[in-house]
C-alpha atoms as a PDB file:
ATOM      1  CA  UNK A   1       0.000   0.000   0.000  1.00  0.00           C
ATOM      2  CA  UNK A   2       2.853   2.371   0.850  1.00  0.00           C
ATOM      3  CA  UNK A   3       4.618   1.523  -2.389  1.00  0.00           C
ATOM      4  CA  UNK A   4       1.416   2.073  -4.385  1.00  0.00           C
ATOM      5  CA  UNK A   5       0.818   5.415  -2.672  1.00  0.00           C
ATOM      6  CA  UNK A   6       4.352   6.610  -3.377  1.00  0.00           C
ATOM      7  CA  UNK A   7       4.176   5.448  -6.994  1.00  0.00           C
ATOM      8  CA  UNK A   8       0.820   7.101  -7.678  1.00  0.00           C
ATOM      9  CA  UNK A   9       1.885  10.333  -5.966  1.00  0.00           C
ATOM     10  CA  UNK A  10       4.943  10.481  -8.190  1.00  0.00           C
ATOM     11  CA  UNK A  11       2.799   9.775 -11.247  1.00  0.00           C
ATOM     12  CA  UNK A  12       0.426  12.612 -10.390  1.00  0.00           C
ATOM     13  CA  UNK A  13       3.308  15.003  -9.808  1.00  0.00           C
ATOM     14  CA  UNK A  14       4.948  14.017 -13.100  1.00  0.00           C
ATOM     15  CA  UNK A  15       1.659  14.334 -15.045  1.00  0.00           C
ATOM     16  CA  UNK A  16       0.888  17.725 -13.479  1.00  0.00           C
ATOM     17  CA  UNK A  17       4.371  19.021 -14.272  1.00  0.00           C
ATOM     18  CA  UNK A  18       4.089  17.814 -17.858  1.00  0.00           C
ATOM     19  CA  UNK A  19       0.757  19.602 -18.323  1.00  0.00           C
ATOM     20  CA  UNK A  20       2.196  22.740 -16.751  1.00  0.00           C
ATOM     21  CA  UNK A  21       5.197  22.761 -19.098  1.00  0.00           C
ATOM     22  CA  UNK A  22       2.925  22.182 -22.102  1.00  0.00           C
ATOM     23  CA  UNK A  23       0.596  24.943 -20.820  1.00  0.00           C
ATOM     24  CA  UNK A  24      -2.395  22.596 -20.887  1.00  0.00           C
ATOM     25  CA  UNK A  25      -3.593  23.734 -17.494  1.00  0.00           C
ATOM     26  CA  UNK A  26      -2.562  24.607 -13.955  1.00  0.00           C
ATOM     27  CA  UNK A  27      -0.922  21.966 -11.782  1.00  0.00           C
ATOM     28  CA  UNK A  28      -3.498  22.434  -9.013  1.00  0.00           C
ATOM     29  CA  UNK A  29      -6.355  21.703 -11.434  1.00  0.00           C
ATOM     30  CA  UNK A  30      -4.642  18.513 -12.647  1.00  0.00           C
ATOM     31  CA  UNK A  31      -4.041  17.319  -9.082  1.00  0.00           C
ATOM     32  CA  UNK A  32      -7.688  17.949  -8.115  1.00  0.00           C
ATOM     33  CA  UNK A  33      -8.800  16.073 -11.234  1.00  0.00           C
ATOM     34  CA  UNK A  34      -6.620  12.996 -10.743  1.00  0.00           C
ATOM     35  CA  UNK A  35      -6.387  12.666  -6.940  1.00  0.00           C
ATOM     36  CA  UNK A  36      -9.892  11.167  -6.332  1.00  0.00           C
ATOM     37  CA  UNK A  37      -9.430   8.630  -9.135  1.00  0.00           C
ATOM     38  CA  UNK A  38      -5.987   7.609  -7.892  1.00  0.00           C
ATOM     39  CA  UNK A  39      -7.125   7.333  -4.260  1.00  0.00           C
ATOM     40  CA  UNK A  40      -9.914   4.989  -5.296  1.00  0.00           C
ATOM     41  CA  UNK A  41      -7.577   2.834  -7.392  1.00  0.00           C
ATOM     42  CA  UNK A  42      -4.762   2.338  -4.833  1.00  0.00           C
ATOM     43  CA  UNK A  43      -6.430  -0.519  -2.819  1.00  0.00           C
ATOM     44  CA  UNK A  44      -7.145  -2.484  -5.993  1.00  0.00           C
ATOM     45  CA  UNK A  45      -3.758  -1.645  -7.485  1.00  0.00           C
ATOM     46  CA  UNK A  46      -1.811  -2.677  -4.348  1.00  0.00           C
ATOM     47  CA  UNK A  47      -3.648  -5.973  -3.865  1.00  0.00           C
ATOM     48  CA  UNK A  48      -3.268  -6.999  -7.515  1.00  0.00           C
ATOM     49  CA  UNK A  49       0.438  -6.163  -7.568  1.00  0.00           C
ATOM     50  CA  UNK A  50       0.953  -8.046  -4.285  1.00  0.00           C
ATOM     51  CA  UNK A  51      -0.766 -11.111  -5.747  1.00  0.00           C
ATOM     52  CA  UNK A  52       1.395 -10.923  -8.854  1.00  0.00           C
ATOM     53  CA  UNK A  53       4.562 -10.577  -6.774  1.00  0.00           C
ATOM     54  CA  UNK A  54       3.650 -13.661  -4.743  1.00  0.00           C
ATOM     55  CA  UNK A  55       2.946 -15.569  -7.961  1.00  0.00           C
ATOM     56  CA  UNK A  56       6.326 -14.503  -9.365  1.00  0.00           C
ATOM     57  CA  UNK A  57       8.291 -15.640  -6.324  1.00  0.00           C
ATOM     58  CA  UNK A  58       6.264 -18.716  -5.356  1.00  0.00           C
ATOM     59  CA  UNK A  59       5.039 -20.066  -8.700  1.00  0.00           C
ATOM     60  CA  UNK A  60       6.991 -19.063 -11.805  1.00  0.00           C
ATOM     61  CA  UNK A  61       8.956 -16.129 -13.251  1.00  0.00           C
ATOM     62  CA  UNK A  62       6.727 -16.433 -16.308  1.00  0.00           C
ATOM     63  CA  UNK A  63       3.988 -14.691 -14.326  1.00  0.00           C
ATOM     64  CA  UNK A  64       6.010 -11.494 -14.846  1.00  0.00           C
ATOM     65  CA  UNK A  65       4.061 -10.977 -18.060  1.00  0.00           C
ATOM     66  CA  UNK A  66       0.899 -10.566 -15.986  1.00  0.00           C
ATOM     67  CA  UNK A  67       2.309  -7.403 -14.451  1.00  0.00           C
ATOM     68  CA  UNK A  68       1.460  -5.603 -17.674  1.00  0.00           C
ATOM     69  CA  UNK A  69      -2.268  -6.367 -17.292  1.00  0.00           C
ATOM     70  CA  UNK A  70      -3.107  -3.945 -14.420  1.00  0.00           C
ATOM     71  CA  UNK A  71      -0.901  -1.261 -15.906  1.00  0.00           C
ATOM     72  CA  UNK A  72      -2.629  -1.553 -19.270  1.00  0.00           C
ATOM     73  CA  UNK A  73      -6.067  -1.596 -17.632  1.00  0.00           C
ATOM     74  CA  UNK A  74      -5.275   1.495 -15.565  1.00  0.00           C
ATOM     75  CA  UNK A  75      -4.065   3.332 -18.651  1.00  0.00           C
ATOM     76  CA  UNK A  76      -7.206   2.467 -20.595  1.00  0.00           C
ATOM     77  CA  UNK A  77      -9.450   3.567 -17.726  1.00  0.00           C
ATOM     78  CA  UNK A  78      -7.648   6.873 -17.475  1.00  0.00           C
ATOM     79  CA  UNK A  79      -7.895   7.479 -21.230  1.00  0.00           C
ATOM     80  CA  UNK A  80     -11.623   6.670 -21.182  1.00  0.00           C
ATOM     81  CA  UNK A  81     -12.124   9.048 -18.249  1.00  0.00           C
ATOM     82  CA  UNK A  82     -10.250  11.833 -20.021  1.00  0.00           C
ATOM     83  CA  UNK A  83     -12.184  11.319 -23.262  1.00  0.00           C
ATOM     84  CA  UNK A  84     -15.456  11.458 -21.330  1.00  0.00           C
ATOM     85  CA  UNK A  85     -14.481  14.764 -19.740  1.00  0.00           C
ATOM     86  CA  UNK A  86     -13.453  16.187 -23.115  1.00  0.00           C
ATOM     87  CA  UNK A  87     -16.770  15.126 -24.664  1.00  0.00           C
ATOM     88  CA  UNK A  88     -18.669  16.683 -21.761  1.00  0.00           C
ATOM     89  CA  UNK A  89     -16.757  19.940 -22.262  1.00  0.00           C
ATOM     90  CA  UNK A  90     -17.504  19.953 -25.984  1.00  0.00           C
ATOM     91  CA  UNK A  91     -21.196  19.289 -25.284  1.00  0.00           C
ATOM     92  CA  UNK A  92     -21.377  22.236 -22.881  1.00  0.00           C
ATOM     93  CA  UNK A  93     -19.690  24.443 -25.470  1.00  0.00           C
ATOM     94  CA  UNK A  94     -22.110  23.275 -28.184  1.00  0.00           C
ATOM     95  CA  UNK A  95     -25.112  23.960 -25.932  1.00  0.00           C
ATOM     96  CA  UNK A  96     -23.782  27.426 -25.186  1.00  0.00           C
ATOM     97  CA  UNK A  97     -23.362  28.144 -28.905  1.00  0.00           C
ATOM     98  CA  UNK A  98     -26.899  26.875 -29.579  1.00  0.00           C
ATOM     99  CA  UNK A  99     -28.349  29.180 -26.914  1.00  0.00           C
ATOM    100  CA  UNK A 100     -26.512  32.168 -28.424  1.00  0.00           C
ATOM    101  CA  UNK A 101     -27.719  31.188 -31.912  1.00  0.00           C
ATOM    102  CA  UNK A 102     -31.322  30.944 -30.680  1.00  0.00           C
ATOM    103  CA  UNK A 103     -31.114  34.373 -29.061  1.00  0.00           C
ATOM    104  CA  UNK A 104     -29.499  35.884 -32.177  1.00  0.00           C
ATOM    105  CA  UNK A 105     -32.203  34.365 -34.378  1.00  0.00           C
ATOM    106  CA  UNK A 106     -34.952  35.690 -32.122  1.00  0.00           C
ATOM    107  CA  UNK A 107     -33.357  39.146 -32.073  1.00  0.00           C
ATOM    108  CA  UNK A 108     -33.199  39.160 -35.883  1.00  0.00           C
ATOM    109  CA  UNK A 109     -36.901  38.261 -36.119  1.00  0.00           C
ATOM    110  CA  UNK A 110     -37.813  41.011 -33.689  1.00  0.00           C
ATOM    111  CA  UNK A 111     -35.656  43.552 -35.505  1.00  0.00           C
ATOM    112  CA  UNK A 112     -37.464  42.677 -38.744  1.00  0.00           C
ATOM    113  CA  UNK A 113     -40.849  43.330 -37.131  1.00  0.00           C
ATOM    114  CA  UNK A 114     -39.738  46.514 -35.349  1.00  0.00           C
ATOM    115  CA  UNK A 115     -38.225  47.898 -38.535  1.00  0.00           C
ATOM    116  CA  UNK A 116     -41.625  47.571 -40.208  1.00  0.00           C
ATOM    117  CA  UNK A 117     -43.640  49.190 -37.404  1.00  0.00           C
ATOM    118  CA  UNK A 118     -42.005  52.225 -35.808  1.00  0.00           C
ATOM    119  CA  UNK A 119     -44.726  52.457 -33.149  1.00  0.00           C
ATOM    120  CA  UNK A 120     -43.908  49.048 -31.672  1.00  0.00           C
ATOM    121  CA  UNK A 121     -40.121  49.330 -32.034  1.00  0.00           C
ATOM    122  CA  UNK A 122     -38.613  48.040 -28.801  1.00  0.00           C
ATOM    123  CA  UNK A 123     -41.936  46.595 -27.614  1.00  0.00           C
ATOM    124  CA  UNK A 124     -40.831  42.958 -27.923  1.00  0.00           C
ATOM    125  CA  UNK A 125     -37.539  43.630 -26.143  1.00  0.00           C
ATOM    126  CA  UNK A 126     -39.371  45.290 -23.244  1.00  0.00           C
ATOM    127  CA  UNK A 127     -41.924  42.465 -23.025  1.00  0.00           C
ATOM    128  CA  UNK A 128     -39.055  39.967 -22.961  1.00  0.00           C
ATOM    129  CA  UNK A 129     -37.460  41.737 -19.984  1.00  0.00           C
ATOM    130  CA  UNK A 130     -40.756  42.002 -18.107  1.00  0.00           C
ATOM    131  CA  UNK A 131     -41.618  38.336 -18.764  1.00  0.00           C
ATOM    132  CA  UNK A 132     -38.194  37.129 -17.612  1.00  0.00           C
ATOM    133  CA  UNK A 133     -38.398  39.177 -14.412  1.00  0.00           C
ATOM    134  CA  UNK A 134     -41.937  37.984 -13.634  1.00  0.00           C
ATOM    135  CA  UNK A 135     -40.816  34.385 -14.075  1.00  0.00           C
ATOM    136  CA  UNK A 136     -37.904  35.026 -11.702  1.00  0.00           C
ATOM    137  CA  UNK A 137     -40.184  36.690  -9.148  1.00  0.00           C
ATOM    138  CA  UNK A 138     -42.510  33.673  -9.261  1.00  0.00           C
ATOM    139  CA  UNK A 139     -39.602  31.358  -8.474  1.00  0.00           C
ATOM    140  CA  UNK A 140     -39.433  29.602 -11.835  1.00  0.00           C
ATOM    141  CA  UNK A 141     -36.207  27.881 -12.836  1.00  0.00           C
ATOM    142  CA  UNK A 142     -33.425  29.679 -14.689  1.00  0.00           C
ATOM    143  CA  UNK A 143     -34.295  27.663 -17.798  1.00  0.00           C
ATOM    144  CA  UNK A 144     -37.923  28.820 -17.631  1.00  0.00           C
ATOM    145  CA  UNK A 145     -36.779  32.413 -17.075  1.00  0.00           C
ATOM    146  CA  UNK A 146     -34.639  32.197 -20.210  1.00  0.00           C
ATOM    147  CA  UNK A 147     -37.542  30.640 -22.106  1.00  0.00           C
ATOM    148  CA  UNK A 148     -39.850  33.459 -20.968  1.00  0.00           C
ATOM    149  CA  UNK A 149     -37.321  36.005 -22.245  1.00  0.00           C
ATOM    150  CA  UNK A 150     -37.006  34.254 -25.610  1.00  0.00           C
ATOM    151  CA  UNK A 151     -40.789  33.933 -25.988  1.00  0.00           C
ATOM    152  CA  UNK A 152     -41.159  37.614 -25.161  1.00  0.00           C
ATOM    153  CA  UNK A 153     -38.767  38.519 -27.955  1.00  0.00           C
ATOM    154  CA  UNK A 154     -40.726  36.600 -30.602  1.00  0.00           C
ATOM    155  CA  UNK A 155     -44.296  36.792 -29.231  1.00  0.00           C
ATOM    156  CA  UNK A 156     -45.476  39.244 -31.906  1.00  0.00           C
ATOM    157  CA  UNK A 157     -43.571  37.820 -34.873  1.00  0.00           C
ATOM    158  CA  UNK A 158     -46.875  36.747 -36.451  1.00  0.00           C
ATOM    159  CA  UNK A 159     -47.607  40.421 -37.178  1.00  0.00           C
ATOM    160  CA  UNK A 160     -45.223  40.257 -40.135  1.00  0.00           C
ATOM    161  CA  UNK A 161     -47.962  38.262 -41.881  1.00  0.00           C
ATOM    162  CA  UNK A 162     -50.683  40.896 -41.412  1.00  0.00           C
ATOM    163  CA  UNK A 163     -51.917  43.049 -44.317  1.00  0.00           C
ATOM    164  CA  UNK A 164     -49.893  46.224 -45.020  1.00  0.00           C
ATOM    165  CA  UNK A 165     -51.157  49.277 -43.177  1.00  0.00           C
ATOM    166  CA  UNK A 166     -53.022  47.373 -40.487  1.00  0.00           C
ATOM    167  CA  UNK A 167     -50.370  47.902 -37.814  1.00  0.00           C
ATOM    168  CA  UNK A 168     -49.952  51.555 -38.693  1.00  0.00           C
ATOM    169  CA  UNK A 169     -53.655  52.445 -38.873  1.00  0.00           C
ATOM    170  CA  UNK A 170     -54.161  55.675 -36.857  1.00  0.00           C
ATOM    171  CA  UNK A 171     -57.800  55.045 -35.891  1.00  0.00           C
ATOM    172  CA  UNK A 172     -59.684  52.209 -34.277  1.00  0.00           C
ATOM    173  CA  UNK A 173     -59.841  48.902 -36.138  1.00  0.00           C
ATOM    174  CA  UNK A 174     -63.032  47.687 -37.780  1.00  0.00           C
ATOM    175  CA  UNK A 175     -64.495  44.338 -36.751  1.00  0.00           C
ATOM    176  CA  UNK A 176     -62.936  42.668 -39.812  1.00  0.00           C
ATOM    177  CA  UNK A 177     -59.568  44.301 -39.155  1.00  0.00           C
ATOM    178  CA  UNK A 178     -59.674  43.189 -35.536  1.00  0.00           C
ATOM    179  CA  UNK A 179     -60.317  39.619 -36.654  1.00  0.00           C
ATOM    180  CA  UNK A 180     -57.306  39.879 -38.942  1.00  0.00           C
ATOM    181  CA  UNK A 181     -55.201  41.244 -36.060  1.00  0.00           C
ATOM    182  CA  UNK A 182     -56.282  38.326 -33.871  1.00  0.00           C
ATOM    183  CA  UNK A 183     -54.727  35.941 -36.374  1.00  0.00           C
ATOM    184  CA  UNK A 184     -51.189  37.018 -35.472  1.00  0.00           C
ATOM    185  CA  UNK A 185     -50.667  34.447 -32.663  1.00  0.00           C
ATOM    186  CA  UNK A 186     -51.573  31.634 -35.080  1.00  0.00           C
ATOM    187  CA  UNK A 187     -49.319  33.096 -37.783  1.00  0.00           C
ATOM    188  CA  UNK A 188     -46.539  33.399 -35.225  1.00  0.00           C
ATOM    189  CA  UNK A 189     -46.958  29.769 -34.194  1.00  0.00           C
ATOM    190  CA  UNK A 190     -46.792  28.692 -37.835  1.00  0.00           C
ATOM    191  CA  UNK A 191     -43.557  30.617 -38.377  1.00  0.00           C
ATOM    192  CA  UNK A 192     -41.875  29.391 -35.189  1.00  0.00           C
ATOM    193  CA  UNK A 193     -43.015  25.776 -35.541  1.00  0.00           C
ATOM    194  CA  UNK A 194     -40.801  25.508 -38.638  1.00  0.00           C
ATOM    195  CA  UNK A 195     -37.700  26.338 -36.593  1.00  0.00           C
ATOM    196  CA  UNK A 196     -35.823  23.449 -34.955  1.00  0.00           C
ATOM    197  CA  UNK A 197     -36.268  23.303 -31.151  1.00  0.00           C
ATOM    198  CA  UNK A 198     -38.930  26.071 -31.216  1.00  0.00           C
ATOM    199  CA  UNK A 199     -41.991  23.826 -30.780  1.00  0.00           C
ATOM    200  CA  UNK A 200     -42.520  24.809 -27.131  1.00  0.00           C
ATOM    201  CA  UNK A 201     -41.924  28.479 -27.942  1.00  0.00           C
ATOM    202  CA  UNK A 202     -44.448  28.277 -30.786  1.00  0.00           C
ATOM    203  CA  UNK A 203     -47.120  26.892 -28.436  1.00  0.00           C
ATOM    204  CA  UNK A 204     -46.497  29.591 -25.819  1.00  0.00           C
ATOM    205  CA  UNK A 205     -46.676  32.321 -28.462  1.00  0.00           C
ATOM    206  CA  UNK A 206     -49.960  30.909 -29.809  1.00  0.00           C
ATOM    207  CA  UNK A 207     -51.680  31.315 -26.440  1.00  0.00           C
ATOM    208  CA  UNK A 208     -50.359  34.667 -25.212  1.00  0.00           C
ATOM    209  CA  UNK A 209     -53.714  36.369 -25.936  1.00  0.00           C
ATOM    210  CA  UNK A 210     -55.867  33.813 -24.102  1.00  0.00           C
ATOM    211  CA  UNK A 211     -57.830  35.016 -21.048  1.00  0.00           C
ATOM    212  CA  UNK A 212     -58.385  33.164 -17.790  1.00  0.00           C
ATOM    213  CA  UNK A 213     -62.163  33.596 -18.213  1.00  0.00           C
ATOM    214  CA  UNK A 214     -62.068  31.813 -21.579  1.00  0.00           C
ATOM    215  CA  UNK A 215     -62.859  34.870 -23.712  1.00  0.00           C
ATOM    216  CA  UNK A 216     -59.423  35.189 -25.300  1.00  0.00           C
ATOM    217  CA  UNK A 217     -58.123  33.976 -28.637  1.00  0.00           C
ATOM    218  CA  UNK A 218     -57.377  31.930 -30.695  1.00  0.00           C
ATOM    219  CA  UNK A 219     -58.531  28.809 -28.775  1.00  0.00           C
ATOM    220  CA  UNK A 220     -60.612  30.284 -25.919  1.00  0.00           C
ATOM    221  CA  UNK A 221     -58.617  28.421 -23.283  1.00  0.00           C
ATOM    222  CA  UNK A 222     -59.417  29.226 -19.674  1.00  0.00           C
ATOM    223  CA  UNK A 223     -57.587  29.127 -16.354  1.00  0.00           C
ATOM    224  CA  UNK A 224     -54.934  26.457 -15.990  1.00  0.00           C
ATOM    225  CA  UNK A 225     -55.470  25.326 -19.583  1.00  0.00           C
ATOM    226  CA  UNK A 226     -53.332  28.302 -20.589  1.00  0.00           C
ATOM    227  CA  UNK A 227     -49.553  27.659 -20.330  1.00  0.00           C
ATOM    228  CA  UNK A 228     -48.066  29.588 -17.412  1.00  0.00           C
ATOM    229  CA  UNK A 229     -45.496  31.344 -19.600  1.00  0.00           C
ATOM    230  CA  UNK A 230     -48.305  32.425 -21.936  1.00  0.00           C
ATOM    231  CA  UNK A 231     -50.098  33.981 -18.948  1.00  0.00           C
ATOM    232  CA  UNK A 232     -46.882  35.763 -17.983  1.00  0.00           C
ATOM    233  CA  UNK A 233     -46.474  37.047 -21.544  1.00  0.00           C
ATOM    234  CA  UNK A 234     -50.070  38.299 -21.548  1.00  0.00           C
ATOM    235  CA  UNK A 235     -49.446  40.516 -18.506  1.00  0.00           C
ATOM    236  CA  UNK A 236     -46.080  41.797 -19.750  1.00  0.00           C
ATOM    237  CA  UNK A 237     -47.489  42.446 -23.238  1.00  0.00           C
ATOM    238  CA  UNK A 238     -50.567  44.305 -21.990  1.00  0.00           C
ATOM    239  CA  UNK A 239     -48.586  46.511 -19.626  1.00  0.00           C
ATOM    240  CA  UNK A 240     -46.007  47.566 -22.202  1.00  0.00           C
ATOM    241  CA  UNK A 241     -48.728  48.159 -24.804  1.00  0.00           C
ATOM    242  CA  UNK A 242     -50.591  50.448 -22.389  1.00  0.00           C
ATOM    243  CA  UNK A 243     -47.461  52.416 -21.451  1.00  0.00           C
ATOM    244  CA  UNK A 244     -46.304  52.886 -25.065  1.00  0.00           C
ATOM    245  CA  UNK A 245     -47.464  55.335 -27.739  1.00  0.00           C
ATOM    246  CA  UNK A 246     -49.719  53.906 -30.416  1.00  0.00           C
ATOM    247  CA  UNK A 247     -50.975  55.456 -33.688  1.00  0.00           C
ATOM    248  CA  UNK A 248     -54.465  55.819 -32.170  1.00  0.00           C
ATOM    249  CA  UNK A 249     -53.544  56.992 -28.612  1.00  0.00           C
ATOM    250  CA  UNK A 250     -50.780  58.299 -26.384  1.00  0.00           C
ATOM    251  CA  UNK A 251     -49.066  56.180 -23.752  1.00  0.00           C
ATOM    252  CA  UNK A 252     -50.873  55.784 -20.441  1.00  0.00           C
ATOM    253  CA  UNK A 253     -49.203  56.784 -17.164  1.00  0.00           C
ATOM    254  CA  UNK A 254     -47.649  53.767 -15.491  1.00  0.00           C
ATOM    255  CA  UNK A 255     -49.922  54.098 -12.452  1.00  0.00           C
ATOM    256  CA  UNK A 256     -53.009  53.870 -14.680  1.00  0.00           C
ATOM    257  CA  UNK A 257     -51.617  50.812 -16.479  1.00  0.00           C
ATOM    258  CA  UNK A 258     -50.917  49.087 -13.168  1.00  0.00           C
ATOM    259  CA  UNK A 259     -54.469  49.850 -12.016  1.00  0.00           C
ATOM    260  CA  UNK A 260     -55.872  48.413 -15.269  1.00  0.00           C
ATOM    261  CA  UNK A 261     -53.907  45.187 -14.688  1.00  0.00           C
ATOM    262  CA  UNK A 262     -55.262  44.903 -11.142  1.00  0.00           C
ATOM    263  CA  UNK A 263     -58.821  45.456 -12.343  1.00  0.00           C
ATOM    264  CA  UNK A 264     -58.500  42.675 -14.924  1.00  0.00           C
ATOM    265  CA  UNK A 265     -57.390  39.858 -12.580  1.00  0.00           C
ATOM    266  CA  UNK A 266     -59.486  36.673 -12.695  1.00  0.00           C
ATOM    267  CA  UNK A 267     -61.046  37.905 -15.919  1.00  0.00           C
ATOM    268  CA  UNK A 268     -58.200  38.602 -18.327  1.00  0.00           C
ATOM    269  CA  UNK A 269     -55.111  37.883 -16.210  1.00  0.00           C
ATOM    270  CA  UNK A 270     -54.003  35.427 -13.542  1.00  0.00           C
ATOM    271  CA  UNK A 271     -53.922  36.958 -10.051  1.00  0.00           C
ATOM    272  CA  UNK A 272     -50.557  35.417  -9.102  1.00  0.00           C
ATOM    273  CA  UNK A 273     -48.852  36.717 -12.241  1.00  0.00           C
ATOM    274  CA  UNK A 274     -50.221  40.255 -11.801  1.00  0.00           C
ATOM    275  CA  UNK A 275     -49.232  40.245  -8.111  1.00  0.00           C
ATOM    276  CA  UNK A 276     -45.680  39.192  -8.995  1.00  0.00           C
ATOM    277  CA  UNK A 277     -45.400  41.938 -11.625  1.00  0.00           C
ATOM    278  CA  UNK A 278     -46.825  44.573  -9.280  1.00  0.00           C
ATOM    279  CA  UNK A 279     -44.228  43.599  -6.671  1.00  0.00           C
ATOM    280  CA  UNK A 280     -41.519  44.211  -9.277  1.00  0.00           C
ATOM    281  CA  UNK A 281     -42.954  47.543 -10.453  1.00  0.00           C
ATOM    282  CA  UNK A 282     -43.465  48.813  -6.901  1.00  0.00           C
ATOM    283  CA  UNK A 283     -39.715  48.977  -6.318  1.00  0.00           C
ATOM    284  CA  UNK A 284     -38.558  49.563  -9.906  1.00  0.00           C
ATOM    285  CA  UNK A 285     -37.137  52.746 -11.413  1.00  0.00           C
ATOM    286  CA  UNK A 286     -39.248  55.024 -13.596  1.00  0.00           C
ATOM    287  CA  UNK A 287     -37.189  54.014 -16.628  1.00  0.00           C
ATOM    288  CA  UNK A 288     -37.949  50.341 -16.015  1.00  0.00           C
ATOM    289  CA  UNK A 289     -41.654  51.044 -15.597  1.00  0.00           C
ATOM    290  CA  UNK A 290     -41.702  52.923 -18.909  1.00  0.00           C
ATOM    291  CA  UNK A 291     -39.615  50.646 -21.154  1.00  0.00           C
ATOM    292  CA  UNK A 292     -38.286  47.656 -19.247  1.00  0.00           C
ATOM    293  CA  UNK A 293     -34.671  48.754 -19.795  1.00  0.00           C
ATOM    294  CA  UNK A 294     -34.601  47.244 -23.305  1.00  0.00           C
ATOM    295  CA  UNK A 295     -30.982  46.624 -24.288  1.00  0.00           C
ATOM    296  CA  UNK A 296     -28.868  48.532 -26.778  1.00  0.00           C
ATOM    297  CA  UNK A 297     -28.275  45.280 -28.670  1.00  0.00           C
ATOM    298  CA  UNK A 298     -31.921  45.104 -29.723  1.00  0.00           C
ATOM    299  CA  UNK A 299     -31.943  48.738 -30.859  1.00  0.00           C
ATOM    300  CA  UNK A 300     -28.684  48.166 -32.735  1.00  0.00           C
ATOM    301  CA  UNK A 301     -30.230  45.228 -34.581  1.00  0.00           C
ATOM    302  CA  UNK A 302     -33.196  47.355 -35.562  1.00  0.00           C
ATOM    303  CA  UNK A 303     -30.892  50.088 -36.858  1.00  0.00           C
ATOM    304  CA  UNK A 304     -28.931  47.635 -38.997  1.00  0.00           C
ATOM    305  CA  UNK A 305     -32.087  46.334 -40.659  1.00  0.00           C
ATOM    306  CA  UNK A 306     -33.405  49.830 -41.269  1.00  0.00           C
ATOM    307  CA  UNK A 307     -30.154  50.834 -42.966  1.00  0.00           C
ATOM    308  CA  UNK A 308     -30.422  47.694 -45.112  1.00  0.00           C
ATOM    309  CA  UNK A 309     -33.944  48.724 -46.130  1.00  0.00           C
ATOM    310  CA  UNK A 310     -35.627  45.653 -44.557  1.00  0.00           C
END
């Protein structure tokens, strides 16, 4: 056991020094990586080597060839362990790249919509921030918070399929025009459903205009039938719409918009979602209440598309 401990300690020191010279990592990191594996292997290693030594001295010198077996096995186990760690690192890197690609794609879609309609420019970015913060306030997981943010960015993408002039109309919409406007969640779902890994996002976007009393659209879902993130989007969307300028009206004061949300609980909105958002707004800055602190990246994307004439 002492001999095995000394041998493995020397091996770790030699391996760490080699990695340090080759600049493959810090010695401390290598020691922390290898030490648990080596500690677990010493009892097995010592007993096997002891058995082989007894066989060599008591049975036959030809058993010397068996000494190579544990060494070869240990080497293969270490190589498999290292390959597994490398694959895990590559998988994490690939997932990170995929998340950035999804966010970039969503930002491009939003910039396309905002470039078409100057009155809603920045609306999707603000809704995304509000939705993410509501999800965090309600104690949802980090993954669900990120999903809420992404859904907020693309929730109105279906408006790109509406007839020209409908979004920019200065007066109230006719009944037929309102029916056309109410098609945008379905159009948005159709667009997003064709994107890999966007199936859940597409479903959430489809239902962000449902009401808890069942009088929403497009499917007249009620209560818990509506996905929670869709209910969060509904509150964030309504608040930002009320506090933003529109062709047919000026922006409402934030206090009025908050009162309207409170008055609509259990009819249009879920009480828990509105309460969580009100708790956020109660301690937020005036800038946050007005625009959700939409990032410069979103505005930069819009500017690029406008310069390109899209």
